[in-house]
Amino acid sequence: MQVSEIELFQILKDKVGEREAKTITEYIETKIEKQFELKKDLLATKQDIAELKGELRFEMANQKAEIIKWMFIFWAGQLAAMIAIAAFIIHK
C-alpha cells in the first residue's frame, strides 16, 4: 500500500471496520489502476512528438516547393498576358 492508501485505510477502518476498509481500499486501488491503464495509451511520449514534428517539417517543405512552382506558373502567365497586351497596343 502507498501512503495515500494507508491514510484512506486508517480513516475507513475507524468508520466501518478493518475488513470493510481493506475491501474498499482494494476496490478503489483496482479502479484507479484500470483508469491509469486506459489513459496511459493516450499520453504522447517525447518520441511521438518528435516523429510528428519531423513529419510536419517534411510536409511544410513539400508545400513550400508547391507554392514556389505555382508562383512561377502564375508569374509566367502574367508576363505572357502583359506581352500580349503590349503587342496589341503597339499594333493598333
Protein backbone atom coordinates (compact mmCIF):
# COMPACT_ATOMS: atom_id res chain seq x y z
CA MET A 1 0.00 0.00 0.00
CA GLN A 2 1.09 3.53 -0.68
CA VAL A 3 0.85 6.41 1.77
CA SER A 4 -2.48 7.70 0.48
CA GLU A 5 -3.91 4.19 0.54
CA ILE A 6 -2.74 3.70 4.10
CA GLU A 7 -4.33 7.00 5.12
CA LEU A 8 -7.58 6.02 3.41
CA PHE A 9 -7.44 2.61 5.05
CA GLN A 10 -6.93 4.17 8.50
CA ILE A 11 -9.82 6.59 8.03
CA LEU A 12 -12.14 3.86 6.79
CA LYS A 13 -11.01 1.38 9.43
CA ASP A 14 -12.16 3.76 12.16
CA LYS A 15 -15.55 4.24 10.46
CA VAL A 16 -16.52 0.82 9.01
CA GLY A 17 -14.09 -1.73 10.40
CA GLU A 18 -10.85 -3.29 9.21
CA ARG A 19 -12.27 -5.89 6.83
CA GLU A 20 -14.59 -3.49 5.04
CA ALA A 21 -11.90 -0.78 4.93
CA LYS A 22 -9.49 -3.22 3.28
CA THR A 23 -12.12 -4.25 0.72
CA ILE A 24 -12.99 -0.64 -0.12
CA THR A 25 -9.34 0.36 -0.38
CA GLU A 26 -8.56 -2.56 -2.69
CA TYR A 27 -11.61 -1.73 -4.84
CA ILE A 28 -10.53 1.90 -5.19
CA GLU A 29 -6.96 0.86 -5.97
CA THR A 30 -8.19 -1.51 -8.69
CA LYS A 31 -10.38 1.18 -10.23
CA ILE A 32 -7.52 3.67 -10.25
CA GLU A 33 -5.18 1.16 -11.89
CA LYS A 34 -7.76 0.40 -14.60
CA GLN A 35 -8.26 4.09 -15.32
CA PHE A 36 -4.49 4.59 -15.45
CA GLU A 37 -4.09 1.75 -17.96
CA LEU A 38 -6.83 3.24 -20.15
CA LYS A 39 -5.30 6.71 -20.10
CA LYS A 40 -1.68 5.56 -20.49
CA ASP A 41 -2.20 4.77 -24.17
CA LEU A 42 -3.46 8.29 -24.82
CA LEU A 43 -0.36 10.05 -23.50
CA ALA A 44 2.04 11.41 -26.07
CA THR A 45 5.64 10.48 -25.47
CA LYS A 46 8.65 12.53 -26.46
CA GLN A 47 9.29 10.08 -29.29
CA ASP A 48 5.74 10.52 -30.61
CA ILE A 49 6.11 14.29 -30.55
CA ALA A 50 9.50 14.13 -32.28
CA GLU A 51 8.10 11.91 -35.05
CA LEU A 52 5.13 14.20 -35.53
CA LYS A 53 7.42 17.21 -35.66
CA GLY A 54 9.56 15.55 -38.35
CA GLU A 55 6.51 14.65 -40.43
CA LEU A 56 5.22 18.20 -40.12
CA ARG A 57 8.53 19.69 -41.26
CA PHE A 58 8.57 17.33 -44.26
CA GLU A 59 5.04 18.35 -45.25
CA MET A 60 5.88 22.03 -44.85
CA ALA A 61 8.89 21.64 -47.15
CA ASN A 62 6.73 19.91 -49.77
CA GLN A 63 4.13 22.67 -49.57
CA LYS A 64 6.82 25.33 -49.94
CA ALA A 65 8.03 23.68 -53.16
CA GLU A 66 4.45 23.52 -54.47
CA ILE A 67 3.88 27.20 -53.71
CA ILE A 68 7.09 28.21 -55.49
CA LYS A 69 6.11 26.11 -58.53
CA TRP A 70 2.66 27.70 -58.77
CA MET A 71 4.10 31.19 -58.21
CA PHE A 72 6.39 30.68 -61.20
CA ILE A 73 3.49 29.39 -63.35
CA PHE A 74 1.32 32.40 -62.49
CA TRP A 75 4.24 34.78 -62.98
CA ALA A 76 4.91 33.33 -66.45
CA GLY A 77 1.22 33.55 -67.33
CA GLN A 78 1.03 37.12 -66.15
CA LEU A 79 4.14 38.03 -68.19
CA ALA A 80 2.65 36.41 -71.29
CA ALA A 81 -0.58 38.36 -70.79
CA MET A 82 1.31 41.65 -70.37
CA ILE A 83 3.34 40.96 -73.54
CA ALA A 84 0.13 40.19 -75.45
CA ILE A 85 -1.50 43.40 -74.24
CA ALA A 86 1.61 45.43 -75.11
CA ALA A 87 1.73 43.83 -78.59
CA PHE A 88 -1.97 44.59 -79.09
CA ILE A 89 -1.48 48.23 -78.11
CA ILE A 90 1.66 48.65 -80.27
CA HIS A 91 -0.03 47.19 -83.39
CA LYS A 92 -3.04 49.44 -83.05
